[in-house]
Each structure stands twice: as structure tokens, then as C-alpha cells.
C-alpha atoms as a PDB file:
ATOM      1  CA  MET A   1      85.375  94.876  99.034  1.00  0.00           C
ATOM      2  CA  ALA A   2      87.147  94.368  95.745  1.00  0.00           C
ATOM      3  CA  ILE A   3      89.168  97.244  94.376  1.00  0.00           C
ATOM      4  CA  LYS A   4      89.417  98.078  90.720  1.00  0.00           C
ATOM      5  CA  VAL A   5      93.126  98.565  90.229  1.00  0.00           C
ATOM      6  CA  PHE A   6      92.688 100.146  86.804  1.00  0.00           C
ATOM      7  CA  ASN A   7      90.426 102.938  88.070  1.00  0.00           C
ATOM      8  CA  SER A   8      92.998 104.877  90.079  1.00  0.00           C
ATOM      9  CA  GLY A   9      96.433 106.333  89.525  1.00  0.00           C
ATOM     10  CA  GLN A  10      97.859 104.466  92.506  1.00  0.00           C
ATOM     11  CA  GLY A  11      96.426 101.225  91.154  1.00  0.00           C
ATOM     12  CA  LEU A  12      97.981 101.719  87.743  1.00  0.00           C
ATOM     13  CA  ILE A  13     101.353 102.489  89.315  1.00  0.00           C
ATOM     14  CA  ALA A  14     101.098  99.389  91.522  1.00  0.00           C
ATOM     15  CA  LEU A  15     100.143  97.346  88.475  1.00  0.00           C
ATOM     16  CA  LEU A  16     103.156  98.573  86.503  1.00  0.00           C
ATOM     17  CA  PHE A  17     105.512  97.829  89.379  1.00  0.00           C
ATOM     18  CA  TYR A  18     104.042  94.370  89.740  1.00  0.00           C
ATOM     19  CA  LEU A  19     104.425  93.789  86.008  1.00  0.00           C
ATOM     20  CA  ALA A  20     108.117  94.690  86.411  1.00  0.00           C
ATOM     21  CA  ALA A  21     108.324  92.160  89.257  1.00  0.00           C
ATOM     22  CA  ALA A  22     106.877  89.441  87.021  1.00  0.00           C
ATOM     23  CA  VAL A  23     109.377  90.172  84.250  1.00  0.00           C
ATOM     24  CA  GLY A  24     112.269  90.379  86.706  1.00  0.00           C
ATOM     25  CA  GLY A  25     111.379  87.114  88.432  1.00  0.00           C
ATOM     26  CA  PHE A  26     111.170  85.311  85.117  1.00  0.00           C
ATOM     27  CA  LEU A  27     114.422  86.827  83.812  1.00  0.00           C
ATOM     28  CA  ASP A  28     116.350  85.989  86.959  1.00  0.00           C
ATOM     29  CA  GLY A  29     114.966  82.468  87.230  1.00  0.00           C
ATOM     30  CA  TYR A  30     115.286  81.544  83.567  1.00  0.00           C
ATOM     31  CA  MET A  31     118.451  83.346  82.531  1.00  0.00           C
ATOM     32  CA  PHE A  32     120.578  82.849  85.653  1.00  0.00           C
ATOM     33  CA  TRP A  33     119.317  80.257  88.151  1.00  0.00           C
ATOM     34  CA  LEU A  34     118.128  77.640  85.631  1.00  0.00           C
ATOM     35  CA  PRO A  35     121.516  77.385  83.834  1.00  0.00           C
ATOM     36  CA  LEU A  36     123.269  77.473  87.208  1.00  0.00           C
ATOM     37  CA  TYR A  37     121.145  74.555  88.419  1.00  0.00           C
ATOM     38  CA  GLN A  38     121.678  72.643  85.172  1.00  0.00           C
ATOM     39  CA  SER A  39     125.439  73.013  85.428  1.00  0.00           C
ATOM     40  CA  SER A  40     125.803  72.296  89.152  1.00  0.00           C
ATOM     41  CA  GLY A  41     122.772  70.179  90.065  1.00  0.00           C
ATOM     42  CA  GLU A  42     122.644  71.685  93.565  1.00  0.00           C
ATOM     43  CA  THR A  43     119.338  71.628  95.390  1.00  0.00           C
ATOM     44  CA  MET A  44     119.762  75.197  96.625  1.00  0.00           C
ATOM     45  CA  HIS A  45     119.958  76.441  93.041  1.00  0.00           C
ATOM     46  CA  LEU A  46     116.779  74.527  92.230  1.00  0.00           C
ATOM     47  CA  ILE A  47     115.011  76.123  95.204  1.00  0.00           C
ATOM     48  CA  ALA A  48     116.153  79.590  94.139  1.00  0.00           C
ATOM     49  CA  MET A  49     114.952  78.981  90.581  1.00  0.00           C
ATOM     50  CA  ILE A  50     111.539  77.757  91.751  1.00  0.00           C
ATOM     51  CA  LEU A  51     111.135  80.733  94.079  1.00  0.00           C
ATOM     52  CA  LEU A  52     111.922  83.211  91.319  1.00  0.00           C
ATOM     53  CA  PHE A  53     109.413  81.557  89.030  1.00  0.00           C
ATOM     54  CA  ALA A  54     106.970  81.817  91.956  1.00  0.00           C
ATOM     55  CA  VAL A  55     107.570  85.595  91.985  1.00  0.00           C
ATOM     56  CA  ALA A  56     106.486  85.748  88.356  1.00  0.00           C
ATOM     57  CA  GLY A  57     103.563  83.434  89.092  1.00  0.00           C
ATOM     58  CA  PHE A  58     102.283  85.476  92.046  1.00  0.00           C
ATOM     59  CA  ALA A  59     102.550  88.651  89.989  1.00  0.00           C
ATOM     60  CA  VAL A  60     100.719  87.239  86.976  1.00  0.00           C
ATOM     61  CA  ILE A  61      97.972  85.749  89.154  1.00  0.00           C
ATOM     62  CA  ALA A  62      97.477  89.049  90.989  1.00  0.00           C
ATOM     63  CA  ILE A  63      97.408  91.008  87.727  1.00  0.00           C
ATOM     64  CA  VAL A  64      94.844  88.648  86.170  1.00  0.00           C
ATOM     65  CA  ILE A  65      92.655  88.743  89.273  1.00  0.00           C
ATOM     66  CA  ALA A  66      92.989  92.546  89.308  1.00  0.00           C
ATOM     67  CA  LEU A  67      91.297  92.664  85.915  1.00  0.00           C
ATOM     68  CA  PHE A  68      88.044  91.655  87.601  1.00  0.00           C
ATOM     69  CA  GLY A  69      88.563  93.337  90.965  1.00  0.00           C
ATOM     70  CA  ILE A  70      90.858  92.150  93.713  1.00  0.00           C
ATOM     71  CA  PRO A  71      90.519  92.607  97.462  1.00  0.00           C
ATOM     72  CA  LYS A  72      93.125  95.061  98.695  1.00  0.00           C
ATOM     73  CA  VAL A  73      94.384  92.636 101.302  1.00  0.00           C
ATOM     74  CA  LEU A  74      94.887  89.950  98.635  1.00  0.00           C
ATOM     75  CA  TRP A  75      96.923  92.386  96.522  1.00  0.00           C
ATOM     76  CA  ILE A  76      99.112  93.143  99.537  1.00  0.00           C
ATOM     77  CA  ILE A  77      99.497  89.450 100.391  1.00  0.00           C
ATOM     78  CA  PHE A  78     100.550  88.584  96.828  1.00  0.00           C
ATOM     79  CA  ALA A  79     103.053  91.453  96.781  1.00  0.00           C
ATOM     80  CA  PHE A  80     104.473  90.405 100.158  1.00  0.00           C
ATOM     81  CA  LEU A  81     104.801  86.769  99.060  1.00  0.00           C
ATOM     82  CA  SER A  82     106.567  87.740  95.864  1.00  0.00           C
ATOM     83  CA  LEU A  83     108.938  89.984  97.809  1.00  0.00           C
ATOM     84  CA  ALA A  84     109.684  87.122 100.206  1.00  0.00           C
ATOM     85  CA  CYS A  85     110.354  84.811  97.254  1.00  0.00           C
ATOM     86  CA  VAL A  86     112.898  87.319  95.903  1.00  0.00           C
ATOM     87  CA  VAL A  87     114.729  87.678  99.197  1.00  0.00           C
ATOM     88  CA  VAL A  88     115.284  83.938  99.772  1.00  0.00           C
ATOM     89  CA  PRO A  89     117.421  83.337  96.619  1.00  0.00           C
ATOM     90  CA  MET A  90     119.472  86.385  97.568  1.00  0.00           C
ATOM     91  CA  LEU A  91     120.038  84.860 101.007  1.00  0.00           C
ATOM     92  CA  ILE A  92     120.953  81.544  99.396  1.00  0.00           C
ATOM     93  CA  SER A  93     123.692  83.216  97.371  1.00  0.00           C
ATOM     94  CA  VAL A  94     124.944  85.083 100.452  1.00  0.00           C
ATOM     95  CA  PHE A  95     125.027  81.929 102.598  1.00  0.00           C
ATOM     96  CA  GLN A  96     126.917  80.051  99.896  1.00  0.00           C
ATOM     97  CA  GLY A  97     129.845  82.342 100.468  1.00  0.00           C
ATOM     98  CA  THR A  98     129.335  84.985  97.824  1.00  0.00           C
ATOM     99  CA  ALA A  99     128.871  88.510  99.075  1.00  0.00           C
ATOM    100  CA  PHE A 100     125.711  90.429  98.300  1.00  0.00           C
ATOM    101  CA  ALA A 101     126.839  91.114  94.784  1.00  0.00           C
ATOM    102  CA  TYR A 102     123.849  93.077  93.540  1.00  0.00           C
ATOM    103  CA  PHE A 103     125.484  96.392  94.448  1.00  0.00           C
ATOM    104  CA  ASN A 104     128.702  95.562  92.607  1.00  0.00           C
ATOM    105  CA  LEU A 105     128.656  96.688  88.974  1.00  0.00           C
ATOM    106  CA  GLY A 106     131.364  94.148  88.159  1.00  0.00           C
ATOM    107  CA  TRP A 107     128.713  91.554  88.956  1.00  0.00           C
ATOM    108  CA  TYR A 108     126.406  93.307  86.482  1.00  0.00           C
ATOM    109  CA  GLN A 109     128.916  92.915  83.667  1.00  0.00           C
ATOM    110  CA  SER A 110     129.322  89.190  84.182  1.00  0.00           C
ATOM    111  CA  TYR A 111     125.791  88.254  85.299  1.00  0.00           C
ATOM    112  CA  LYS A 112     123.649  90.992  83.833  1.00  0.00           C
ATOM    113  CA  TRP A 113     120.392  88.978  83.726  1.00  0.00           C
ATOM    114  CA  ASP A 114     120.700  88.118  87.392  1.00  0.00           C
ATOM    115  CA  PHE A 115     121.450  91.734  88.261  1.00  0.00           C
ATOM    116  CA  ILE A 116     118.620  93.174  86.144  1.00  0.00           C
ATOM    117  CA  GLY A 117     116.158  90.418  87.059  1.00  0.00           C
ATOM    118  CA  PHE A 118     116.824  90.709  90.775  1.00  0.00           C
ATOM    119  CA  TRP A 119     116.349  94.466  90.876  1.00  0.00           C
ATOM    120  CA  LEU A 120     113.225  94.337  88.725  1.00  0.00           C
ATOM    121  CA  ALA A 121     111.718  91.584  90.885  1.00  0.00           C
ATOM    122  CA  ALA A 122     112.747  93.041  94.245  1.00  0.00           C
ATOM    123  CA  GLY A 123     111.974  96.646  93.392  1.00  0.00           C
ATOM    124  CA  GLY A 124     108.736  95.832  91.618  1.00  0.00           C
ATOM    125  CA  SER A 125     107.465  93.621  94.436  1.00  0.00           C
ATOM    126  CA  PHE A 126     108.448  96.100  97.123  1.00  0.00           C
ATOM    127  CA  LEU A 127     106.941  99.093  95.373  1.00  0.00           C
ATOM    128  CA  ALA A 128     103.765  97.179  94.446  1.00  0.00           C
ATOM    129  CA  LEU A 129     103.442  96.325  98.135  1.00  0.00           C
ATOM    130  CA  ILE A 130     103.979  99.911  99.287  1.00  0.00           C
ATOM    131  CA  VAL A 131     101.746 101.486  96.625  1.00  0.00           C
ATOM    132  CA  GLY A 132      99.139  98.773  97.271  1.00  0.00           C
ATOM    133  CA  PHE A 133      98.489 100.255 100.696  1.00  0.00           C
ATOM    134  CA  PHE A 134      97.473 103.537  99.055  1.00  0.00           C
ATOM    135  CA  ILE A 135      95.063 102.171  96.453  1.00  0.00           C
ATOM    136  CA  PRO A 136      91.672 103.672  97.313  1.00  0.00           C
ATOM    137  CA  GLU A 137      89.007 101.210  98.412  1.00  0.00           C
ATOM    138  CA  LYS A 138      86.154 102.825  96.490  1.00  0.00           C
ATOM    139  CA  THR A 139      87.263 103.624  92.977  1.00  0.00           C
END
């Protein structure tokens, strides 16, 4: 059964979180990973950039489908996929020798779009996933 995300408070909250995930994925991919790939040419940076654009893509697709009614399981799958696409670039940066810098505010001052974009994408995807479980079926 398709849920109408706009007809419930939980749905609107999930929609807003997922909108934040779309903005964050685009910001992180475009403002940080794209210039990093252009300057270094490394394949891992290209993969991270593509995955962050995929976060924005999954979010936009889910939001557009939600306009007409989306199955609850599809909403949860899209949110899980976007969360997975956020985690992989973070792991790439960790495995390249940099520490998990997203808790360090010094990192924020030098790479603010990566910091802001990551937290918007990760937090938005995670919270859209969690709130998605509580969207009522019959609204």
C-alpha cells in the first residue's frame, strides 16, 4: 500500500530530513569531492564523488515519488541506500590515512563544505530512515 508522506506529521518530518540529505549529498560531492578528484585524479575520489551524488539522486527520486504515494518499504530502502552511500566516502577518507575528521572543528574551518555536507547527508539519511519506520500506513 502506498503511503502519502504529506498527510502525516511523521511523513513531513521524514521528508524534511530527506531534503536535507539531498542538499548535503550535493554540497559534499560538488564542493569537496569534485575539486579533490580534479586536482588529484584518483579513482577513489571519483567513487566518493559519484556516491555522494547518488545520495542526492536517491533523495530526489524518493521525494518525487512521494508526491504521488510511495510504498513504505521503498521509502526505507531509498533512505538506507542513501545512508550507505554516505558512509562509503567517509570510509574511503579513513582508509586513505586521514582520521575521521568530521568531529574535529579544525576540519570544519578548512573544509567547511565537506563538514556541512557530510553531516546534512548522513544525518538526513539516517533520520529519514528512522522516521520512515513510523510513518502511518493509512493516512
